[in-house]
């Protein structure tokens, strides 16, 4: 019985770690949420209570600096932790 329980827990842990990995790729961690505020001068947006920095460079996929969302927009983006900031590497409109 104990061996069966351990096998079940192991399978669950493997499954959960796969879900986490599916949300990360070479562009960073993926987030979908609603923009609650925008600071154009600082190049920052707040999505669901978290502050993110728009990247300064172009980058792949047009770059985050090419699109400044408005408060209330639902967006999807990727970010990486750089120097204690969450820097957006790719950004776009959330798919319906």
Protein backbone atom coordinates (compact mmCIF):
# COMPACT_ATOMS: atom_id res chain seq x y z
CA UNK A 1 0.00 0.00 0.00
CA UNK A 2 2.82 2.38 0.91
CA UNK A 3 4.63 1.65 -2.36
CA UNK A 4 1.45 2.46 -4.30
CA UNK A 5 1.07 5.76 -2.44
CA UNK A 6 4.71 6.70 -3.12
CA UNK A 7 4.30 5.87 -6.81
CA UNK A 8 1.20 8.08 -6.99
CA UNK A 9 2.95 11.01 -5.28
CA UNK A 10 5.97 10.64 -7.58
CA UNK A 11 3.74 10.68 -10.67
CA UNK A 12 1.95 13.80 -9.40
CA UNK A 13 5.26 15.61 -8.77
CA UNK A 14 6.47 14.80 -12.28
CA UNK A 15 3.19 16.06 -13.76
CA UNK A 16 3.29 19.32 -11.77
CA UNK A 17 6.91 20.02 -12.71
CA UNK A 18 5.93 19.57 -16.38
CA UNK A 19 3.23 22.22 -16.03
CA UNK A 20 5.73 24.71 -14.59
CA UNK A 21 8.22 24.05 -17.36
CA UNK A 22 5.53 24.53 -20.02
CA UNK A 23 5.11 28.14 -18.85
CA UNK A 24 8.79 28.96 -19.36
CA UNK A 25 10.83 29.07 -22.52
CA UNK A 26 13.81 30.95 -23.94
CA UNK A 27 11.79 34.20 -23.85
CA UNK A 28 11.18 33.85 -20.10
CA UNK A 29 8.10 33.22 -18.00
CA UNK A 30 4.69 33.68 -19.62
CA UNK A 31 1.99 35.84 -18.02
CA UNK A 32 -1.54 36.69 -19.15
CA UNK A 33 -3.44 39.34 -17.25
CA UNK A 34 -5.13 42.72 -17.16
CA UNK A 35 -3.12 45.95 -17.12
CA UNK A 36 -4.09 47.99 -14.07
CA UNK A 37 -1.76 50.98 -14.59
CA UNK A 38 0.81 52.34 -17.03
CA UNK A 39 3.81 54.65 -16.45
CA UNK A 40 5.00 55.64 -19.93
CA UNK A 41 7.91 57.76 -18.68
CA UNK A 42 9.33 54.96 -16.53
CA UNK A 43 8.41 52.32 -19.13
CA UNK A 44 6.53 50.26 -16.56
CA UNK A 45 3.18 48.55 -16.43
CA UNK A 46 1.31 46.90 -13.57
CA UNK A 47 -0.49 43.67 -14.37
CA UNK A 48 -2.61 42.03 -11.69
CA UNK A 49 -0.67 43.81 -8.93
CA UNK A 50 2.85 43.07 -10.25
CA UNK A 51 5.13 45.74 -11.80
CA UNK A 52 6.94 44.90 -15.04
CA UNK A 53 9.57 46.90 -16.93
CA UNK A 54 9.27 47.22 -20.70
CA UNK A 55 12.58 46.34 -22.38
CA UNK A 56 14.52 49.14 -24.01
CA UNK A 57 15.72 47.11 -27.02
CA UNK A 58 13.81 45.84 -30.02
CA UNK A 59 14.30 42.11 -29.47
CA UNK A 60 12.51 39.25 -31.18
CA UNK A 61 8.84 39.51 -31.99
CA UNK A 62 8.91 43.29 -32.36
CA UNK A 63 10.12 43.95 -28.83
CA UNK A 64 8.22 45.16 -25.83
CA UNK A 65 9.16 48.79 -26.44
CA UNK A 66 7.08 48.88 -29.66
CA UNK A 67 3.79 48.40 -27.78
CA UNK A 68 2.57 50.34 -24.76
CA UNK A 69 -0.69 48.83 -23.54
CA UNK A 70 -3.41 50.88 -21.85
CA UNK A 71 -4.98 50.30 -18.46
CA UNK A 72 -7.75 47.72 -18.82
CA UNK A 73 -6.08 45.88 -21.73
CA UNK A 74 -5.79 42.10 -21.40
CA UNK A 75 -2.29 41.12 -22.53
CA UNK A 76 0.03 38.13 -22.73
CA UNK A 77 3.77 38.57 -22.35
CA UNK A 78 7.03 36.91 -21.41
CA UNK A 79 9.46 38.33 -18.88
CA UNK A 80 12.84 37.57 -17.34
CA UNK A 81 14.18 38.58 -13.93
CA UNK A 82 17.09 40.97 -14.55
CA UNK A 83 18.75 42.89 -11.74
CA UNK A 84 15.74 42.56 -9.45
CA UNK A 85 13.28 43.77 -12.12
CA UNK A 86 10.79 41.80 -14.18
CA UNK A 87 11.76 42.83 -17.71
CA UNK A 88 9.28 42.09 -20.50
CA UNK A 89 10.91 40.35 -23.47
CA UNK A 90 7.78 39.81 -25.64
CA UNK A 91 4.32 41.31 -25.42
CA UNK A 92 1.03 41.04 -27.27
CA UNK A 93 -2.71 41.07 -26.97
CA UNK A 94 -4.15 38.11 -25.06
CA UNK A 95 -5.86 35.54 -27.22
CA UNK A 96 -9.60 35.20 -26.69
